[in-house]
Amino acid sequence: MKIKMKVNKIATANQNGSDTMTYVKDSVYDMNAPWQMKLATNLINNGLAESVANETTKKVVTEMETKVEKKSKSLLKKVFGKKK
């Protein structure tokens, strides 16, 4: 889950809660661990952060035209000899 902070907030920085950090306004944080998901849910419910949708990238592929040379006539001449 990704969240974007609406305001600066000091909150826990590890699972035990023994370290703190400042979650900075307009920054996006990736919350993957279970304790981080709980923290993110609390921040969202209290209006301090908002959930960010996963970004998807799309690659556009276009077909390119290919030139096909006509080699059939020259190939026939080599195989059968010159036409009379």
PDB file of N, CA and C in Angstrom:
ATOM      1  N   MET A   1       0.854  -1.172   0.000  1.00  0.00           N
ATOM      2  CA  MET A   1       0.000   0.000   0.000  1.00  0.00           C
ATOM      3  C   MET A   1       0.898   1.232   0.000  1.00  0.00           C
ATOM      4  N   LYS A   2       0.568   2.176  -0.838  1.00  0.00           N
ATOM      5  CA  LYS A   2       1.302   3.438  -0.878  1.00  0.00           C
ATOM      6  C   LYS A   2       0.404   4.535  -0.333  1.00  0.00           C
ATOM      7  N   ILE A   3       1.016   5.424   0.450  1.00  0.00           N
ATOM      8  CA  ILE A   3       0.271   6.554   0.977  1.00  0.00           C
ATOM      9  C   ILE A   3       1.016   7.848   0.657  1.00  0.00           C
ATOM     10  N   LYS A   4       0.253   8.917   0.538  1.00  0.00           N
ATOM     11  CA  LYS A   4       0.819  10.252   0.349  1.00  0.00           C
ATOM     12  C   LYS A   4       0.382  11.083   1.534  1.00  0.00           C
ATOM     13  N   MET A   5       1.350  11.676   2.209  1.00  0.00           N
ATOM     14  CA  MET A   5       1.066  12.461   3.410  1.00  0.00           C
ATOM     15  C   MET A   5       0.462  13.812   3.042  1.00  0.00           C
ATOM     16  N   LYS A   6      -0.550  14.217   3.807  1.00  0.00           N
ATOM     17  CA  LYS A   6      -1.178  15.533   3.633  1.00  0.00           C
ATOM     18  C   LYS A   6      -0.533  16.576   4.534  1.00  0.00           C
ATOM     19  N   VAL A   7       0.021  16.126   5.667  1.00  0.00           N
ATOM     20  CA  VAL A   7       0.669  17.016   6.631  1.00  0.00           C
ATOM     21  C   VAL A   7       1.925  16.322   7.163  1.00  0.00           C
ATOM     22  N   ASN A   8       2.807  17.088   7.777  1.00  0.00           N
ATOM     23  CA  ASN A   8       3.954  16.503   8.466  1.00  0.00           C
ATOM     24  C   ASN A   8       3.471  15.806   9.734  1.00  0.00           C
ATOM     25  N   LYS A   9       3.972  14.605   9.989  1.00  0.00           N
ATOM     26  CA  LYS A   9       3.543  13.858  11.167  1.00  0.00           C
ATOM     27  C   LYS A   9       4.708  13.027  11.692  1.00  0.00           C
ATOM     28  N   ILE A  10       4.953  13.099  12.990  1.00  0.00           N
ATOM     29  CA  ILE A  10       5.949  12.252  13.634  1.00  0.00           C
ATOM     30  C   ILE A  10       5.244  10.976  14.066  1.00  0.00           C
ATOM     31  N   ALA A  11       5.791   9.832  13.611  1.00  0.00           N
ATOM     32  CA  ALA A  11       5.183   8.539  13.933  1.00  0.00           C
ATOM     33  C   ALA A  11       6.285   7.488  14.021  1.00  0.00           C
ATOM     34  N   THR A  12       5.890   6.283  14.358  1.00  0.00           N
ATOM     35  CA  THR A  12       6.855   5.204  14.545  1.00  0.00           C
ATOM     36  C   THR A  12       7.576   4.862  13.239  1.00  0.00           C
ATOM     37  N   ALA A  13       8.833   4.434  13.388  1.00  0.00           N
ATOM     38  CA  ALA A  13       9.647   4.109  12.225  1.00  0.00           C
ATOM     39  C   ALA A  13      10.040   2.635  12.204  1.00  0.00           C
ATOM     40  N   ASN A  14       9.636   1.878  13.237  1.00  0.00           N
ATOM     41  CA  ASN A  14       9.932   0.448  13.246  1.00  0.00           C
ATOM     42  C   ASN A  14       8.782  -0.320  13.874  1.00  0.00           C
ATOM     43  N   GLN A  15       8.914  -1.624  13.884  1.00  0.00           N
ATOM     44  CA  GLN A  15       7.840  -2.492  14.352  1.00  0.00           C
ATOM     45  C   GLN A  15       7.573  -2.330  15.843  1.00  0.00           C
ATOM     46  N   ASN A  16       8.618  -2.094  16.635  1.00  0.00           N
ATOM     47  CA  ASN A  16       8.478  -1.996  18.087  1.00  0.00           C
ATOM     48  C   ASN A  16       7.999  -0.626  18.557  1.00  0.00           C
ATOM     49  N   GLY A  17       8.124   0.364  17.720  1.00  0.00           N
ATOM     50  CA  GLY A  17       7.732   1.717  18.097  1.00  0.00           C
ATOM     51  C   GLY A  17       8.807   2.441  18.880  1.00  0.00           C
ATOM     52  N   SER A  18      10.008   1.877  18.921  1.00  0.00           N
ATOM     53  CA  SER A  18      11.088   2.493  19.694  1.00  0.00           C
ATOM     54  C   SER A  18      11.768   3.628  18.934  1.00  0.00           C
ATOM     55  N   ASP A  19      11.640   3.665  17.623  1.00  0.00           N
ATOM     56  CA  ASP A  19      12.199   4.747  16.812  1.00  0.00           C
ATOM     57  C   ASP A  19      11.063   5.533  16.163  1.00  0.00           C
ATOM     58  N   THR A  20      11.296   6.824  15.986  1.00  0.00           N
ATOM     59  CA  THR A  20      10.301   7.653  15.315  1.00  0.00           C
ATOM     60  C   THR A  20      10.936   8.357  14.128  1.00  0.00           C
ATOM     61  N   MET A  21      10.090   8.785  13.231  1.00  0.00           N
ATOM     62  CA  MET A  21      10.549   9.579  12.095  1.00  0.00           C
ATOM     63  C   MET A  21       9.444  10.545  11.706  1.00  0.00           C
ATOM     64  N   THR A  22       9.816  11.565  10.969  1.00  0.00           N
ATOM     65  CA  THR A  22       8.834  12.523  10.490  1.00  0.00           C
ATOM     66  C   THR A  22       8.407  12.118   9.092  1.00  0.00           C
ATOM     67  N   TYR A  23       7.137  11.850   8.945  1.00  0.00           N
ATOM     68  CA  TYR A  23       6.555  11.591   7.634  1.00  0.00           C
ATOM     69  C   TYR A  23       6.216  12.949   7.038  1.00  0.00           C
ATOM     70  N   VAL A  24       6.882  13.293   5.943  1.00  0.00           N
ATOM     71  CA  VAL A  24       6.852  14.646   5.384  1.00  0.00           C
ATOM     72  C   VAL A  24       5.671  14.823   4.427  1.00  0.00           C
ATOM     73  N   LYS A  25       5.074  16.019   4.489  1.00  0.00           N
ATOM     74  CA  LYS A  25       3.942  16.381   3.627  1.00  0.00           C
ATOM     75  C   LYS A  25       4.315  16.214   2.151  1.00  0.00           C
ATOM     76  N   ASP A  26       3.371  15.705   1.335  1.00  0.00           N
ATOM     77  CA  ASP A  26       3.495  15.499  -0.108  1.00  0.00           C
ATOM     78  C   ASP A  26       4.496  14.407  -0.495  1.00  0.00           C
ATOM     79  N   SER A  27       4.993  13.641   0.477  1.00  0.00           N
ATOM     80  CA  SER A  27       5.882  12.522   0.174  1.00  0.00           C
ATOM     81  C   SER A  27       5.057  11.242   0.080  1.00  0.00           C
ATOM     82  N   VAL A  28       5.514  10.317  -0.765  1.00  0.00           N
ATOM     83  CA  VAL A  28       4.835   9.036  -0.941  1.00  0.00           C
ATOM     84  C   VAL A  28       5.663   7.965  -0.235  1.00  0.00           C
ATOM     85  N   TYR A  29       4.999   7.165   0.597  1.00  0.00           N
ATOM     86  CA  TYR A  29       5.661   6.107   1.356  1.00  0.00           C
ATOM     87  C   TYR A  29       5.072   4.755   0.980  1.00  0.00           C
ATOM     88  N   ASP A  30       5.950   3.756   0.858  1.00  0.00           N
ATOM     89  CA  ASP A  30       5.525   2.397   0.540  1.00  0.00           C
ATOM     90  C   ASP A  30       5.372   1.635   1.853  1.00  0.00           C
ATOM     91  N   MET A  31       4.170   1.209   2.156  1.00  0.00           N
ATOM     92  CA  MET A  31       3.877   0.516   3.411  1.00  0.00           C
ATOM     93  C   MET A  31       3.534  -0.941   3.101  1.00  0.00           C
ATOM     94  N   ASN A  32       4.509  -1.842   3.259  1.00  0.00           N
ATOM     95  CA  ASN A  32       4.312  -3.240   2.889  1.00  0.00           C
ATOM     96  C   ASN A  32       4.192  -4.179   4.081  1.00  0.00           C
ATOM     97  N   ALA A  33       4.946  -3.927   5.147  1.00  0.00           N
ATOM     98  CA  ALA A  33       4.924  -4.805   6.321  1.00  0.00           C
ATOM     99  C   ALA A  33       3.593  -4.645   7.060  1.00  0.00           C
ATOM    100  N   PRO A  34       3.184  -5.680   7.801  1.00  0.00           N
ATOM    101  CA  PRO A  34       1.906  -5.598   8.528  1.00  0.00           C
ATOM    102  C   PRO A  34       1.814  -4.388   9.472  1.00  0.00           C
ATOM    103  N   TRP A  35       2.897  -4.084  10.203  1.00  0.00           N
ATOM    104  CA  TRP A  35       2.854  -2.937  11.115  1.00  0.00           C
ATOM    105  C   TRP A  35       2.758  -1.629  10.341  1.00  0.00           C
ATOM    106  N   GLN A  36       3.363  -1.578   9.148  1.00  0.00           N
ATOM    107  CA  GLN A  36       3.278  -0.382   8.322  1.00  0.00           C
ATOM    108  C   GLN A  36       1.864  -0.206   7.763  1.00  0.00           C
ATOM    109  N   MET A  37       1.215  -1.333   7.442  1.00  0.00           N
ATOM    110  CA  MET A  37      -0.161  -1.264   6.932  1.00  0.00           C
ATOM    111  C   MET A  37      -1.101  -0.725   8.014  1.00  0.00           C
ATOM    112  N   LYS A  38      -0.891  -1.141   9.267  1.00  0.00           N
ATOM    113  CA  LYS A  38      -1.720  -0.628  10.368  1.00  0.00           C
ATOM    114  C   LYS A  38      -1.496   0.873  10.543  1.00  0.00           C
ATOM    115  N   LEU A  39      -0.224   1.276  10.488  1.00  0.00           N
ATOM    116  CA  LEU A  39       0.106   2.695  10.619  1.00  0.00           C
ATOM    117  C   LEU A  39      -0.525   3.497   9.482  1.00  0.00           C
ATOM    118  N   ALA A  40      -0.417   2.977   8.258  1.00  0.00           N
ATOM    119  CA  ALA A  40      -0.985   3.669   7.098  1.00  0.00           C
ATOM    120  C   ALA A  40      -2.499   3.792   7.234  1.00  0.00           C
ATOM    121  N   THR A  41      -3.152   2.737   7.705  1.00  0.00           N
ATOM    122  CA  THR A  41      -4.602   2.770   7.896  1.00  0.00           C
ATOM    123  C   THR A  41      -4.992   3.833   8.918  1.00  0.00           C
ATOM    124  N   ASN A  42      -4.233   3.908  10.014  1.00  0.00           N
ATOM    125  CA  ASN A  42      -4.506   4.928  11.032  1.00  0.00           C
ATOM    126  C   ASN A  42      -4.308   6.337  10.481  1.00  0.00           C
ATOM    127  N   LEU A  43      -3.247   6.531   9.707  1.00  0.00           N
ATOM    128  CA  LEU A  43      -2.984   7.856   9.140  1.00  0.00           C
ATOM    129  C   LEU A  43      -4.091   8.257   8.161  1.00  0.00           C
ATOM    130  N   ILE A  44      -4.558   7.308   7.361  1.00  0.00           N
ATOM    131  CA  ILE A  44      -5.628   7.590   6.393  1.00  0.00           C
ATOM    132  C   ILE A  44      -6.944   7.877   7.117  1.00  0.00           C
ATOM    133  N   ASN A  45      -7.267   7.056   8.131  1.00  0.00           N
ATOM    134  CA  ASN A  45      -8.523   7.235   8.872  1.00  0.00           C
ATOM    135  C   ASN A  45      -8.564   8.563   9.630  1.00  0.00           C
ATOM    136  N   ASN A  46      -7.405   9.042  10.075  1.00  0.00           N
ATOM    137  CA  ASN A  46      -7.338  10.307  10.803  1.00  0.00           C
ATOM    138  C   ASN A  46      -7.212  11.512   9.871  1.00  0.00           C
ATOM    139  N   GLY A  47      -7.188  11.271   8.561  1.00  0.00           N
ATOM    140  CA  GLY A  47      -7.135  12.376   7.608  1.00  0.00           C
ATOM    141  C   GLY A  47      -5.758  12.975   7.437  1.00  0.00           C
ATOM    142  N   LEU A  48      -4.726  12.280   7.872  1.00  0.00           N
ATOM    143  CA  LEU A  48      -3.363  12.796   7.766  1.00  0.00           C
ATOM    144  C   LEU A  48      -2.678  12.363   6.472  1.00  0.00           C
ATOM    145  N   ALA A  49      -3.239  11.335   5.833  1.00  0.00           N
ATOM    146  CA  ALA A  49      -2.651  10.809   4.596  1.00  0.00           C
ATOM    147  C   ALA A  49      -3.769  10.333   3.681  1.00  0.00           C
ATOM    148  N   GLU A  50      -3.403  10.087   2.444  1.00  0.00           N
ATOM    149  CA  GLU A  50      -4.365   9.539   1.491  1.00  0.00           C
ATOM    150  C   GLU A  50      -3.724   8.361   0.766  1.00  0.00           C
ATOM    151  N   SER A  51      -4.544   7.425   0.373  1.00  0.00           N
ATOM    152  CA  SER A  51      -4.062   6.242  -0.333  1.00  0.00           C
ATOM    153  C   SER A  51      -3.736   6.611  -1.775  1.00  0.00           C
ATOM    154  N   VAL A  52      -2.649   6.055  -2.271  1.00  0.00           N
ATOM    155  CA  VAL A  52      -2.217   6.324  -3.639  1.00  0.00           C
ATOM    156  C   VAL A  52      -2.415   5.046  -4.447  1.00  0.00           C
ATOM    157  N   ALA A  53      -3.064   5.173  -5.590  1.00  0.00           N
ATOM    158  CA  ALA A  53      -3.279   4.017  -6.463  1.00  0.00           C
ATOM    159  C   ALA A  53      -1.951   3.609  -7.092  1.00  0.00           C
ATOM    160  N   ASN A  54      -1.828   2.327  -7.369  1.00  0.00           N
ATOM    161  CA  ASN A  54      -0.616   1.842  -8.021  1.00  0.00           C
ATOM    162  C   ASN A  54      -0.511   2.430  -9.411  1.00  0.00           C
ATOM    163  N   GLU A  55       0.692   2.838  -9.756  1.00  0.00           N
ATOM    164  CA  GLU A  55       0.922   3.420 -11.067  1.00  0.00           C
ATOM    165  C   GLU A  55       1.118   2.294 -12.072  1.00  0.00           C
ATOM    166  N   THR A  56       0.439   2.407 -13.178  1.00  0.00           N
ATOM    167  CA  THR A  56       0.617   1.412 -14.230  1.00  0.00           C
ATOM    168  C   THR A  56       1.235   2.093 -15.433  1.00  0.00           C
ATOM    169  N   THR A  57       2.154   1.415 -16.039  1.00  0.00           N
ATOM    170  CA  THR A  57       2.789   1.956 -17.229  1.00  0.00           C
ATOM    171  C   THR A  57       2.370   1.107 -18.416  1.00  0.00           C
ATOM    172  N   LYS A  58       2.098   1.775 -19.501  1.00  0.00           N
ATOM    173  CA  LYS A  58       1.697   1.084 -20.717  1.00  0.00           C
ATOM    174  C   LYS A  58       2.713   1.380 -21.799  1.00  0.00           C
ATOM    175  N   LYS A  59       3.059   0.348 -22.515  1.00  0.00           N
ATOM    176  CA  LYS A  59       4.011   0.499 -23.597  1.00  0.00           C
ATOM    177  C   LYS A  59       3.250   0.381 -24.909  1.00  0.00           C
ATOM    178  N   VAL A  60       3.405   1.380 -25.754  1.00  0.00           N
ATOM    179  CA  VAL A  60       2.706   1.399 -27.033  1.00  0.00           C
ATOM    180  C   VAL A  60       3.647   0.839 -28.095  1.00  0.00           C
ATOM    181  N   VAL A  61       3.171  -0.185 -28.763  1.00  0.00           N
ATOM    182  CA  VAL A  61       3.974  -0.814 -29.803  1.00  0.00           C
ATOM    183  C   VAL A  61       3.258  -0.606 -31.130  1.00  0.00           C
ATOM    184  N   THR A  62       3.977  -0.065 -32.093  1.00  0.00           N
ATOM    185  CA  THR A  62       3.396   0.146 -33.416  1.00  0.00           C
ATOM    186  C   THR A  62       4.100  -0.757 -34.412  1.00  0.00           C
ATOM    187  N   GLU A  63       3.350  -1.195 -35.403  1.00  0.00           N
ATOM    188  CA  GLU A  63       3.938  -2.043 -36.428  1.00  0.00           C
ATOM    189  C   GLU A  63       4.705  -1.183 -37.408  1.00  0.00           C
ATOM    190  N   MET A  64       5.816  -1.710 -37.839  1.00  0.00           N
ATOM    191  CA  MET A  64       6.629  -1.003 -38.823  1.00  0.00           C
ATOM    192  C   MET A  64       6.455  -1.691 -40.173  1.00  0.00           C
ATOM    193  N   GLU A  65       6.430  -0.881 -41.218  1.00  0.00           N
ATOM    194  CA  GLU A  65       6.315  -1.443 -42.550  1.00  0.00           C
ATOM    195  C   GLU A  65       7.668  -2.014 -42.965  1.00  0.00           C
ATOM    196  N   THR A  66       7.612  -3.136 -43.659  1.00  0.00           N
ATOM    197  CA  THR A  66       8.853  -3.736 -44.139  1.00  0.00           C
ATOM    198  C   THR A  66       8.806  -3.795 -45.653  1.00  0.00           C
ATOM    199  N   LYS A  67       9.948  -3.552 -46.257  1.00  0.00           N
ATOM    200  CA  LYS A  67      10.038  -3.618 -47.706  1.00  0.00           C
ATOM    201  C   LYS A  67      10.350  -5.054 -48.102  1.00  0.00           C
ATOM    202  N   VAL A  68       9.591  -5.562 -49.033  1.00  0.00           N
ATOM    203  CA  VAL A  68       9.833  -6.895 -49.551  1.00  0.00           C
ATOM    204  C   VAL A  68      10.252  -6.737 -51.003  1.00  0.00           C
ATOM    205  N   GLU A  69      11.458  -7.147 -51.277  1.00  0.00           N
ATOM    206  CA  GLU A  69      11.950  -7.036 -52.646  1.00  0.00           C
ATOM    207  C   GLU A  69      11.494  -8.251 -53.436  1.00  0.00           C
ATOM    208  N   LYS A  70      11.227  -8.029 -54.679  1.00  0.00           N
ATOM    209  CA  LYS A  70      10.817  -9.128 -55.534  1.00  0.00           C
ATOM    210  C   LYS A  70      12.065  -9.801 -56.083  1.00  0.00           C
ATOM    211  N   LYS A  71      12.356 -10.961 -55.549  1.00  0.00           N
ATOM    212  CA  LYS A  71      13.536 -11.700 -55.992  1.00  0.00           C
ATOM    213  C   LYS A  71      13.144 -12.943 -56.784  1.00  0.00           C
ATOM    214  N   SER A  72      11.872 -13.161 -56.949  1.00  0.00           N
ATOM    215  CA  SER A  72      11.417 -14.391 -57.597  1.00  0.00           C
ATOM    216  C   SER A  72      11.849 -14.458 -59.063  1.00  0.00           C
ATOM    217  N   LYS A  73      11.833 -13.331 -59.787  1.00  0.00           N
ATOM    218  CA  LYS A  73      12.209 -13.348 -61.201  1.00  0.00           C
ATOM    219  C   LYS A  73      13.688 -13.656 -61.359  1.00  0.00           C
ATOM    220  N   SER A  74      14.515 -13.007 -60.544  1.00  0.00           N
ATOM    221  CA  SER A  74      15.946 -13.243 -60.663  1.00  0.00           C
ATOM    222  C   SER A  74      16.300 -14.652 -60.221  1.00  0.00           C
ATOM    223  N   LEU A  75      15.576 -15.180 -59.287  1.00  0.00           N
ATOM    224  CA  LEU A  75      15.811 -16.535 -58.824  1.00  0.00           C
ATOM    225  C   LEU A  75      15.439 -17.541 -59.908  1.00  0.00           C
ATOM    226  N   LEU A  76      14.332 -17.281 -60.609  1.00  0.00           N
ATOM    227  CA  LEU A  76      13.926 -18.172 -61.704  1.00  0.00           C
ATOM    228  C   LEU A  76      14.952 -18.155 -62.829  1.00  0.00           C
ATOM    229  N   LYS A  77      15.506 -16.992 -63.135  1.00  0.00           N
ATOM    230  CA  LYS A  77      16.510 -16.892 -64.193  1.00  0.00           C
ATOM    231  C   LYS A  77      17.746 -17.689 -63.844  1.00  0.00           C
ATOM    232  N   LYS A  78      18.159 -17.655 -62.572  1.00  0.00           N
ATOM    233  CA  LYS A  78      19.345 -18.385 -62.163  1.00  0.00           C
ATOM    234  C   LYS A  78      19.108 -19.891 -62.217  1.00  0.00           C
ATOM    235  N   VAL A  79      17.921 -20.320 -61.871  1.00  0.00           N
ATOM    236  CA  VAL A  79      17.633 -21.742 -61.835  1.00  0.00           C
ATOM    237  C   VAL A  79      17.433 -22.313 -63.240  1.00  0.00           C
ATOM    238  N   PHE A  80      16.622 -21.635 -64.053  1.00  0.00           N
ATOM    239  CA  PHE A  80      16.266 -22.165 -65.360  1.00  0.00           C
ATOM    240  C   PHE A  80      17.070 -21.553 -66.504  1.00  0.00           C
ATOM    241  N   GLY A  81      17.879 -20.605 -66.212  1.00  0.00           N
ATOM    242  CA  GLY A  81      18.606 -19.912 -67.279  1.00  0.00           C
ATOM    243  C   GLY A  81      17.771 -18.786 -67.821  1.00  0.00           C
ATOM    244  N   LYS A  82      18.270 -18.086 -68.820  1.00  0.00           N
ATOM    245  CA  LYS A  82      17.564 -16.952 -69.401  1.00  0.00           C
ATOM    246  C   LYS A  82      16.337 -17.399 -70.151  1.00  0.00           C
ATOM    247  N   LYS A  83      15.277 -16.598 -70.043  1.00  0.00           N
ATOM    248  CA  LYS A  83      14.095 -16.873 -70.819  1.00  0.00           C
ATOM    249  C   LYS A  83      14.304 -16.344 -72.228  1.00  0.00           C
ATOM    250  N   LYS A  84      13.838 -17.076 -73.214  1.00  0.00           N
ATOM    251  CA  LYS A  84      14.032 -16.662 -74.609  1.00  0.00           C
ATOM    252  C   LYS A  84      12.783 -16.089 -75.187  1.00  0.00           C
TER     253      LYS A  84
END
